[in-house]
C-alpha atoms as a PDB file:
ATOM      1  CA  UNK A   1      -3.298  -0.158  -1.926  1.00  0.00           C
ATOM      2  CA  UNK A   2      -4.026   1.582  -5.231  1.00  0.00           C
ATOM      3  CA  UNK A   3      -7.099   3.693  -5.973  1.00  0.00           C
ATOM      4  CA  UNK A   4      -8.632   0.936  -8.166  1.00  0.00           C
ATOM      5  CA  UNK A   5      -8.351  -1.454  -5.218  1.00  0.00           C
ATOM      6  CA  UNK A   6      -9.792   1.109  -2.780  1.00  0.00           C
ATOM      7  CA  UNK A   7     -12.805   1.610  -5.043  1.00  0.00           C
ATOM      8  CA  UNK A   8     -13.176  -2.122  -5.670  1.00  0.00           C
ATOM      9  CA  UNK A   9     -13.420  -2.712  -1.924  1.00  0.00           C
ATOM     10  CA  UNK A  10     -15.971   0.000  -1.142  1.00  0.00           C
ATOM     11  CA  UNK A  11     -19.140  -0.803   0.762  1.00  0.00           C
ATOM     12  CA  UNK A  12     -22.316   0.781  -0.633  1.00  0.00           C
ATOM     13  CA  UNK A  13     -24.358   3.020   1.672  1.00  0.00           C
ATOM     14  CA  UNK A  14     -27.278   5.344   1.004  1.00  0.00           C
ATOM     15  CA  UNK A  15     -26.046   8.106  -1.288  1.00  0.00           C
ATOM     16  CA  UNK A  16     -22.509   6.793  -1.580  1.00  0.00           C
ATOM     17  CA  UNK A  17     -20.092   4.329  -0.062  1.00  0.00           C
ATOM     18  CA  UNK A  18     -17.734   3.519   2.793  1.00  0.00           C
ATOM     19  CA  UNK A  19     -14.053   2.855   2.167  1.00  0.00           C
ATOM     20  CA  UNK A  20     -10.677   2.933   3.879  1.00  0.00           C
ATOM     21  CA  UNK A  21      -7.870   5.372   3.080  1.00  0.00           C
ATOM     22  CA  UNK A  22      -4.652   3.425   3.720  1.00  0.00           C
ATOM     23  CA  UNK A  23      -1.508   4.916   5.243  1.00  0.00           C
ATOM     24  CA  UNK A  24       0.247   4.613   1.881  1.00  0.00           C
ATOM     25  CA  UNK A  25      -1.875   7.531   0.621  1.00  0.00           C
ATOM     26  CA  UNK A  26      -1.191   9.956   3.470  1.00  0.00           C
ATOM     27  CA  UNK A  27       0.704  13.228   3.422  1.00  0.00           C
ATOM     28  CA  UNK A  28       1.263  14.082   7.026  1.00  0.00           C
ATOM     29  CA  UNK A  29      -1.879  13.280   9.018  1.00  0.00           C
ATOM     30  CA  UNK A  30      -4.339  13.513   6.135  1.00  0.00           C
ATOM     31  CA  UNK A  31      -4.945  11.875   2.793  1.00  0.00           C
ATOM     32  CA  UNK A  32      -3.310  13.222  -0.338  1.00  0.00           C
ATOM     33  CA  UNK A  33      -5.769  15.744  -1.781  1.00  0.00           C
ATOM     34  CA  UNK A  34      -5.886  14.154  -5.215  1.00  0.00           C
ATOM     35  CA  UNK A  35      -6.935  10.833  -3.716  1.00  0.00           C
ATOM     36  CA  UNK A  36      -9.733  12.263  -1.578  1.00  0.00           C
ATOM     37  CA  UNK A  37     -10.931  14.422  -4.510  1.00  0.00           C
ATOM     38  CA  UNK A  38     -10.927  11.360  -6.793  1.00  0.00           C
ATOM     39  CA  UNK A  39     -12.909   9.388  -4.202  1.00  0.00           C
ATOM     40  CA  UNK A  40     -15.444  12.217  -3.985  1.00  0.00           C
ATOM     41  CA  UNK A  41     -15.676  12.306  -7.779  1.00  0.00           C
ATOM     42  CA  UNK A  42     -16.324   8.541  -7.854  1.00  0.00           C
ATOM     43  CA  UNK A  43     -19.383   9.082  -5.659  1.00  0.00           C
ATOM     44  CA  UNK A  44     -20.536  12.106  -7.677  1.00  0.00           C
ATOM     45  CA  UNK A  45     -20.213  10.226 -10.953  1.00  0.00           C
ATOM     46  CA  UNK A  46     -22.523   7.505  -9.625  1.00  0.00           C
ATOM     47  CA  UNK A  47     -25.080   9.941  -8.168  1.00  0.00           C
ATOM     48  CA  UNK A  48     -27.212   9.909 -11.319  1.00  0.00           C
ATOM     49  CA  UNK A  49     -27.525   7.901 -14.512  1.00  0.00           C
ATOM     50  CA  UNK A  50     -25.843   8.905 -17.760  1.00  0.00           C
ATOM     51  CA  UNK A  51     -24.121  12.041 -16.495  1.00  0.00           C
ATOM     52  CA  UNK A  52     -22.230  13.973 -19.181  1.00  0.00           C
ATOM     53  CA  UNK A  53     -18.444  14.418 -18.864  1.00  0.00           C
ATOM     54  CA  UNK A  54     -16.913  16.233 -15.907  1.00  0.00           C
ATOM     55  CA  UNK A  55     -15.844  19.771 -16.780  1.00  0.00           C
ATOM     56  CA  UNK A  56     -15.145  21.469 -13.454  1.00  0.00           C
ATOM     57  CA  UNK A  57     -14.495  20.640  -9.807  1.00  0.00           C
ATOM     58  CA  UNK A  58     -14.456  22.961  -6.792  1.00  0.00           C
ATOM     59  CA  UNK A  59     -12.891  21.241  -3.790  1.00  0.00           C
ATOM     60  CA  UNK A  60     -12.512  22.441  -0.187  1.00  0.00           C
ATOM     61  CA  UNK A  61     -10.097  20.577   2.078  1.00  0.00           C
ATOM     62  CA  UNK A  62     -11.772  21.079   5.458  1.00  0.00           C
ATOM     63  CA  UNK A  63     -10.140  18.625   7.823  1.00  0.00           C
ATOM     64  CA  UNK A  64      -7.899  15.560   8.046  1.00  0.00           C
ATOM     65  CA  UNK A  65      -9.027  12.307   6.442  1.00  0.00           C
ATOM     66  CA  UNK A  66      -7.469   8.905   7.088  1.00  0.00           C
ATOM     67  CA  UNK A  67      -8.624   5.364   7.729  1.00  0.00           C
ATOM     68  CA  UNK A  68     -12.367   4.611   7.459  1.00  0.00           C
ATOM     69  CA  UNK A  69     -14.359   7.261   5.600  1.00  0.00           C
ATOM     70  CA  UNK A  70     -17.875   7.713   4.267  1.00  0.00           C
ATOM     71  CA  UNK A  71     -18.268   9.322   0.839  1.00  0.00           C
ATOM     72  CA  UNK A  72     -21.670  10.668  -0.219  1.00  0.00           C
ATOM     73  CA  UNK A  73     -22.960  12.646  -3.184  1.00  0.00           C
ATOM     74  CA  UNK A  74     -26.205  14.251  -4.282  1.00  0.00           C
ATOM     75  CA  UNK A  75     -27.478  15.887  -7.460  1.00  0.00           C
ATOM     76  CA  UNK A  76     -28.332  19.512  -6.706  1.00  0.00           C
ATOM     77  CA  UNK A  77     -29.583  20.435 -10.157  1.00  0.00           C
ATOM     78  CA  UNK A  78     -29.678  18.740 -13.517  1.00  0.00           C
ATOM     79  CA  UNK A  79     -30.686  20.719 -16.553  1.00  0.00           C
ATOM     80  CA  UNK A  80     -30.623  20.083 -20.275  1.00  0.00           C
ATOM     81  CA  UNK A  81     -26.881  20.697 -20.596  1.00  0.00           C
ATOM     82  CA  UNK A  82     -25.287  20.572 -17.148  1.00  0.00           C
ATOM     83  CA  UNK A  83     -25.575  18.799 -13.809  1.00  0.00           C
ATOM     84  CA  UNK A  84     -24.289  20.080 -10.472  1.00  0.00           C
ATOM     85  CA  UNK A  85     -23.405  17.359  -7.976  1.00  0.00           C
ATOM     86  CA  UNK A  86     -22.093  17.928  -4.460  1.00  0.00           C
ATOM     87  CA  UNK A  87     -20.009  15.402  -2.549  1.00  0.00           C
ATOM     88  CA  UNK A  88     -18.701  15.111   0.984  1.00  0.00           C
ATOM     89  CA  UNK A  89     -16.223  12.870   2.744  1.00  0.00           C
ATOM     90  CA  UNK A  90     -16.591  12.281   6.477  1.00  0.00           C
ATOM     91  CA  UNK A  91     -13.930  10.617   8.590  1.00  0.00           C
ATOM     92  CA  UNK A  92     -13.500   9.853  12.262  1.00  0.00           C
ATOM     93  CA  UNK A  93     -13.074  13.583  12.977  1.00  0.00           C
ATOM     94  CA  UNK A  94     -16.104  14.705  10.969  1.00  0.00           C
ATOM     95  CA  UNK A  95     -16.300  16.481   7.641  1.00  0.00           C
ATOM     96  CA  UNK A  96     -12.967  16.423   5.824  1.00  0.00           C
ATOM     97  CA  UNK A  97     -13.819  17.368   2.235  1.00  0.00           C
ATOM     98  CA  UNK A  98     -16.658  19.108   0.426  1.00  0.00           C
ATOM     99  CA  UNK A  99     -16.815  19.427  -3.351  1.00  0.00           C
ATOM    100  CA  UNK A 100     -19.048  20.534  -6.188  1.00  0.00           C
ATOM    101  CA  UNK A 101     -18.652  18.769  -9.527  1.00  0.00           C
ATOM    102  CA  UNK A 102     -20.056  20.199 -12.741  1.00  0.00           C
ATOM    103  CA  UNK A 103     -20.864  17.741 -15.525  1.00  0.00           C
ATOM    104  CA  UNK A 104     -21.704  19.226 -18.934  1.00  0.00           C
ATOM    105  CA  UNK A 105     -22.381  17.829 -22.381  1.00  0.00           C
ATOM    106  CA  UNK A 106     -20.532  19.015 -25.464  1.00  0.00           C
ATOM    107  CA  UNK A 107     -22.320  21.807 -27.311  1.00  0.00           C
ATOM    108  CA  UNK A 108     -21.875  23.529 -30.645  1.00  0.00           C
ATOM    109  CA  UNK A 109     -20.644  27.111 -30.487  1.00  0.00           C
ATOM    110  CA  UNK A 110     -19.684  29.748 -33.024  1.00  0.00           C
ATOM    111  CA  UNK A 111     -16.687  30.606 -30.802  1.00  0.00           C
ATOM    112  CA  UNK A 112     -13.675  28.314 -30.875  1.00  0.00           C
ATOM    113  CA  UNK A 113     -10.183  29.003 -29.507  1.00  0.00           C
ATOM    114  CA  UNK A 114      -7.694  26.225 -28.884  1.00  0.00           C
ATOM    115  CA  UNK A 115      -4.038  26.053 -28.012  1.00  0.00           C
ATOM    116  CA  UNK A 116      -3.947  27.644 -24.591  1.00  0.00           C
ATOM    117  CA  UNK A 117      -0.651  27.785 -22.754  1.00  0.00           C
ATOM    118  CA  UNK A 118       2.078  25.859 -24.509  1.00  0.00           C
ATOM    119  CA  UNK A 119       3.897  23.148 -22.598  1.00  0.00           C
ATOM    120  CA  UNK A 120       7.246  24.491 -21.323  1.00  0.00           C
ATOM    121  CA  UNK A 121       9.052  21.415 -22.629  1.00  0.00           C
ATOM    122  CA  UNK A 122       8.249  19.249 -25.615  1.00  0.00           C
ATOM    123  CA  UNK A 123      10.111  16.013 -25.018  1.00  0.00           C
ATOM    124  CA  UNK A 124       8.307  13.059 -23.415  1.00  0.00           C
ATOM    125  CA  UNK A 125       9.435  11.939 -19.964  1.00  0.00           C
ATOM    126  CA  UNK A 126      12.599   9.966 -19.500  1.00  0.00           C
ATOM    127  CA  UNK A 127      12.968   7.132 -17.014  1.00  0.00           C
ATOM    128  CA  UNK A 128      11.087   7.776 -13.784  1.00  0.00           C
ATOM    129  CA  UNK A 129      13.297   8.760 -10.883  1.00  0.00           C
ATOM    130  CA  UNK A 130      12.855   6.928  -7.597  1.00  0.00           C
ATOM    131  CA  UNK A 131      11.188   8.918  -4.827  1.00  0.00           C
ATOM    132  CA  UNK A 132      13.433   9.591  -1.840  1.00  0.00           C
ATOM    133  CA  UNK A 133      11.775   7.632   0.951  1.00  0.00           C
ATOM    134  CA  UNK A 134      13.371   9.658   3.746  1.00  0.00           C
ATOM    135  CA  UNK A 135      11.854  12.982   2.724  1.00  0.00           C
ATOM    136  CA  UNK A 136       8.903  12.436   0.371  1.00  0.00           C
ATOM    137  CA  UNK A 137       5.262  12.168   1.492  1.00  0.00           C
ATOM    138  CA  UNK A 138       4.092   8.569   1.476  1.00  0.00           C
ATOM    139  CA  UNK A 139       1.482   9.073  -1.234  1.00  0.00           C
ATOM    140  CA  UNK A 140       4.132   9.847  -3.884  1.00  0.00           C
ATOM    141  CA  UNK A 141       5.170   6.200  -3.974  1.00  0.00           C
ATOM    142  CA  UNK A 142       1.908   5.465  -5.809  1.00  0.00           C
ATOM    143  CA  UNK A 143       3.211   7.400  -8.834  1.00  0.00           C
ATOM    144  CA  UNK A 144       6.046   7.253 -11.326  1.00  0.00           C
ATOM    145  CA  UNK A 145       7.668  10.694 -11.280  1.00  0.00           C
ATOM    146  CA  UNK A 146      10.158  12.282 -13.652  1.00  0.00           C
ATOM    147  CA  UNK A 147      11.707  15.453 -12.259  1.00  0.00           C
ATOM    148  CA  UNK A 148      12.250  18.435 -14.576  1.00  0.00           C
ATOM    149  CA  UNK A 149      15.141  20.566 -13.349  1.00  0.00           C
ATOM    150  CA  UNK A 150      15.048  23.489 -15.781  1.00  0.00           C
ATOM    151  CA  UNK A 151      12.872  24.978 -18.533  1.00  0.00           C
ATOM    152  CA  UNK A 152      12.922  28.208 -20.571  1.00  0.00           C
ATOM    153  CA  UNK A 153      10.401  30.371 -18.693  1.00  0.00           C
ATOM    154  CA  UNK A 154      10.936  29.035 -15.177  1.00  0.00           C
ATOM    155  CA  UNK A 155       9.816  31.449 -12.458  1.00  0.00           C
ATOM    156  CA  UNK A 156      11.081  31.838  -8.916  1.00  0.00           C
ATOM    157  CA  UNK A 157       8.141  29.890  -7.445  1.00  0.00           C
ATOM    158  CA  UNK A 158       7.650  27.236 -10.100  1.00  0.00           C
ATOM    159  CA  UNK A 159       7.490  23.414 -10.086  1.00  0.00           C
ATOM    160  CA  UNK A 160       7.375  21.102 -13.124  1.00  0.00           C
ATOM    161  CA  UNK A 161       7.201  17.298 -13.080  1.00  0.00           C
ATOM    162  CA  UNK A 162       5.962  14.359 -15.116  1.00  0.00           C
ATOM    163  CA  UNK A 163       3.463  12.128 -13.296  1.00  0.00           C
ATOM    164  CA  UNK A 164       2.067   8.683 -14.017  1.00  0.00           C
ATOM    165  CA  UNK A 165      -0.203   6.583 -11.789  1.00  0.00           C
ATOM    166  CA  UNK A 166       1.458   3.228 -11.179  1.00  0.00           C
ATOM    167  CA  UNK A 167      -1.807   1.274 -11.003  1.00  0.00           C
ATOM    168  CA  UNK A 168      -4.483   2.869 -13.163  1.00  0.00           C
ATOM    169  CA  UNK A 169      -6.192  -0.289 -14.419  1.00  0.00           C
ATOM    170  CA  UNK A 170      -9.928   0.276 -14.503  1.00  0.00           C
ATOM    171  CA  UNK A 171      -9.759   4.004 -13.747  1.00  0.00           C
ATOM    172  CA  UNK A 172     -11.856   6.157 -16.052  1.00  0.00           C
ATOM    173  CA  UNK A 173      -9.980   9.179 -17.481  1.00  0.00           C
ATOM    174  CA  UNK A 174     -11.623  11.772 -15.226  1.00  0.00           C
ATOM    175  CA  UNK A 175     -10.934   9.809 -12.035  1.00  0.00           C
ATOM    176  CA  UNK A 176      -7.300   9.600 -13.118  1.00  0.00           C
ATOM    177  CA  UNK A 177      -7.236  13.360 -13.810  1.00  0.00           C
ATOM    178  CA  UNK A 178      -8.569  14.086 -10.321  1.00  0.00           C
ATOM    179  CA  UNK A 179      -6.015  11.717  -8.827  1.00  0.00           C
ATOM    180  CA  UNK A 180      -2.933  13.252 -10.468  1.00  0.00           C
ATOM    181  CA  UNK A 181      -4.037  16.910 -10.553  1.00  0.00           C
ATOM    182  CA  UNK A 182      -2.908  17.751  -7.004  1.00  0.00           C
ATOM    183  CA  UNK A 183       0.348  15.829  -7.179  1.00  0.00           C
ATOM    184  CA  UNK A 184       2.856  18.691  -7.101  1.00  0.00           C
ATOM    185  CA  UNK A 185       4.222  20.301  -3.953  1.00  0.00           C
ATOM    186  CA  UNK A 186       3.231  23.954  -3.449  1.00  0.00           C
ATOM    187  CA  UNK A 187       5.163  26.228  -5.789  1.00  0.00           C
ATOM    188  CA  UNK A 188       6.027  28.361  -2.747  1.00  0.00           C
ATOM    189  CA  UNK A 189       8.281  25.551  -1.526  1.00  0.00           C
ATOM    190  CA  UNK A 190      10.766  26.497  -4.243  1.00  0.00           C
ATOM    191  CA  UNK A 191      11.506  29.633  -2.187  1.00  0.00           C
ATOM    192  CA  UNK A 192      11.575  28.053   1.262  1.00  0.00           C
ATOM    193  CA  UNK A 193      14.833  28.124   3.203  1.00  0.00           C
ATOM    194  CA  UNK A 194      13.485  25.833   5.936  1.00  0.00           C
ATOM    195  CA  UNK A 195      10.753  23.207   6.129  1.00  0.00           C
ATOM    196  CA  UNK A 196       7.378  24.429   7.418  1.00  0.00           C
ATOM    197  CA  UNK A 197       3.947  22.781   7.458  1.00  0.00           C
ATOM    198  CA  UNK A 198       1.684  23.532   4.480  1.00  0.00           C
ATOM    199  CA  UNK A 199      -1.981  22.763   3.898  1.00  0.00           C
ATOM    200  CA  UNK A 200      -4.225  23.032   0.839  1.00  0.00           C
ATOM    201  CA  UNK A 201      -7.387  25.025   1.490  1.00  0.00           C
ATOM    202  CA  UNK A 202      -9.281  25.059  -1.807  1.00  0.00           C
ATOM    203  CA  UNK A 203      -8.756  23.716  -5.316  1.00  0.00           C
ATOM    204  CA  UNK A 204     -10.592  24.764  -8.476  1.00  0.00           C
ATOM    205  CA  UNK A 205      -9.915  22.395 -11.367  1.00  0.00           C
ATOM    206  CA  UNK A 206     -11.272  22.831 -14.899  1.00  0.00           C
ATOM    207  CA  UNK A 207     -11.117  20.049 -17.481  1.00  0.00           C
ATOM    208  CA  UNK A 208     -10.543  21.405 -20.985  1.00  0.00           C
ATOM    209  CA  UNK A 209     -11.529  18.249 -22.838  1.00  0.00           C
ATOM    210  CA  UNK A 210     -14.297  15.723 -22.198  1.00  0.00           C
ATOM    211  CA  UNK A 211     -11.955  12.802 -22.886  1.00  0.00           C
ATOM    212  CA  UNK A 212      -8.358  13.368 -21.660  1.00  0.00           C
ATOM    213  CA  UNK A 213      -5.789  10.850 -22.902  1.00  0.00           C
ATOM    214  CA  UNK A 214      -2.000  10.683 -22.804  1.00  0.00           C
ATOM    215  CA  UNK A 215       0.646   8.327 -24.164  1.00  0.00           C
ATOM    216  CA  UNK A 216       1.723   5.680 -21.662  1.00  0.00           C
ATOM    217  CA  UNK A 217      -0.220   7.426 -18.898  1.00  0.00           C
ATOM    218  CA  UNK A 218       2.232  10.328 -18.517  1.00  0.00           C
ATOM    219  CA  UNK A 219       1.039  13.837 -17.621  1.00  0.00           C
ATOM    220  CA  UNK A 220       3.118  17.002 -17.295  1.00  0.00           C
ATOM    221  CA  UNK A 221       2.137  19.091 -14.252  1.00  0.00           C
ATOM    222  CA  UNK A 222       3.151  22.662 -13.486  1.00  0.00           C
ATOM    223  CA  UNK A 223       2.420  24.800 -10.418  1.00  0.00           C
ATOM    224  CA  UNK A 224       3.378  28.480 -10.361  1.00  0.00           C
ATOM    225  CA  UNK A 225       2.839  31.297  -7.870  1.00  0.00           C
ATOM    226  CA  UNK A 226       3.424  35.039  -8.088  1.00  0.00           C
ATOM    227  CA  UNK A 227       1.981  36.070  -4.718  1.00  0.00           C
ATOM    228  CA  UNK A 228       2.924  34.671  -1.312  1.00  0.00           C
ATOM    229  CA  UNK A 229       2.082  36.771   1.744  1.00  0.00           C
ATOM    230  CA  UNK A 230       0.821  36.515   5.338  1.00  0.00           C
ATOM    231  CA  UNK A 231       0.966  32.727   5.377  1.00  0.00           C
ATOM    232  CA  UNK A 232      -1.144  32.211   2.259  1.00  0.00           C
ATOM    233  CA  UNK A 233      -0.284  31.581  -1.351  1.00  0.00           C
ATOM    234  CA  UNK A 234      -2.284  31.379  -4.553  1.00  0.00           C
ATOM    235  CA  UNK A 235      -0.969  29.135  -7.297  1.00  0.00           C
ATOM    236  CA  UNK A 236      -1.956  28.256 -10.832  1.00  0.00           C
ATOM    237  CA  UNK A 237      -1.901  24.647 -12.002  1.00  0.00           C
ATOM    238  CA  UNK A 238      -1.602  23.363 -15.566  1.00  0.00           C
ATOM    239  CA  UNK A 239      -1.716  19.795 -16.872  1.00  0.00           C
ATOM    240  CA  UNK A 240      -0.557  18.728 -20.348  1.00  0.00           C
ATOM    241  CA  UNK A 241      -0.595  15.305 -21.948  1.00  0.00           C
ATOM    242  CA  UNK A 242       2.528  13.702 -23.409  1.00  0.00           C
ATOM    243  CA  UNK A 243       1.840  15.357 -26.798  1.00  0.00           C
ATOM    244  CA  UNK A 244       1.909  18.827 -25.239  1.00  0.00           C
ATOM    245  CA  UNK A 245      -1.856  19.462 -25.351  1.00  0.00           C
ATOM    246  CA  UNK A 246      -3.222  21.416 -22.390  1.00  0.00           C
ATOM    247  CA  UNK A 247      -5.947  19.264 -20.815  1.00  0.00           C
ATOM    248  CA  UNK A 248      -6.647  20.919 -17.440  1.00  0.00           C
ATOM    249  CA  UNK A 249      -6.114  24.168 -15.554  1.00  0.00           C
ATOM    250  CA  UNK A 250      -6.606  24.968 -11.925  1.00  0.00           C
ATOM    251  CA  UNK A 251      -6.098  27.390  -9.075  1.00  0.00           C
ATOM    252  CA  UNK A 252      -5.252  26.519  -5.510  1.00  0.00           C
ATOM    253  CA  UNK A 253      -5.115  28.340  -2.178  1.00  0.00           C
ATOM    254  CA  UNK A 254      -2.497  27.018   0.254  1.00  0.00           C
ATOM    255  CA  UNK A 255      -1.701  27.933   3.862  1.00  0.00           C
ATOM    256  CA  UNK A 256       1.942  28.185   4.970  1.00  0.00           C
ATOM    257  CA  UNK A 257       2.460  27.737   8.718  1.00  0.00           C
ATOM    258  CA  UNK A 258       5.764  29.512   9.195  1.00  0.00           C
END
């Protein structure tokens, strides 16, 4: 069941909605983080009328989420330029996700600097490679993925892939950005010599444009890490569109259990 179908089948409740996270979106015993963050954003976006575009999300992955969930959101402050909206997702085991979304209108400024970090490759994605069913988390089958095996400035803990949501009909651009933004495996896995459990703790995600678009729905995602110690890693995340424009940046804290 795709995200558009999950949202189409939601049941309204006070302050949000009820929905079901299907097994096809799980990674291990919990939902893929991008899906749960996108579901939280959907509630936050509807928490008030005429909210400006999303510009930042701060997400904490607190506990496992699967099956029936309740998603709620509330406006904490709305000023002239920005609105802060919190959202929570509760499952059968209690609170699973808490997030703060910052919506902000475009403003004129005498300071302008564009360009950011250049995309490590310039060519658009080739044919999507099939996901290996024996080893890949179930949620990956909801995406077209094109693996990138090498690039000029590749680091030791570095992952680069093209992503495209298979069913994105009806998704607004920001919901799609939340959905794909957590799609990569931890960069630390590039150094692993044996499989160990991993778990995302927090995710900070900043949108660099109020209206992200990309040709044919393809996005280039990169996760890099330069510090892994005592079972915890910090990684940087970058998202470019198919034309090589940087559209989002993030930072993530991930626990490594072994």
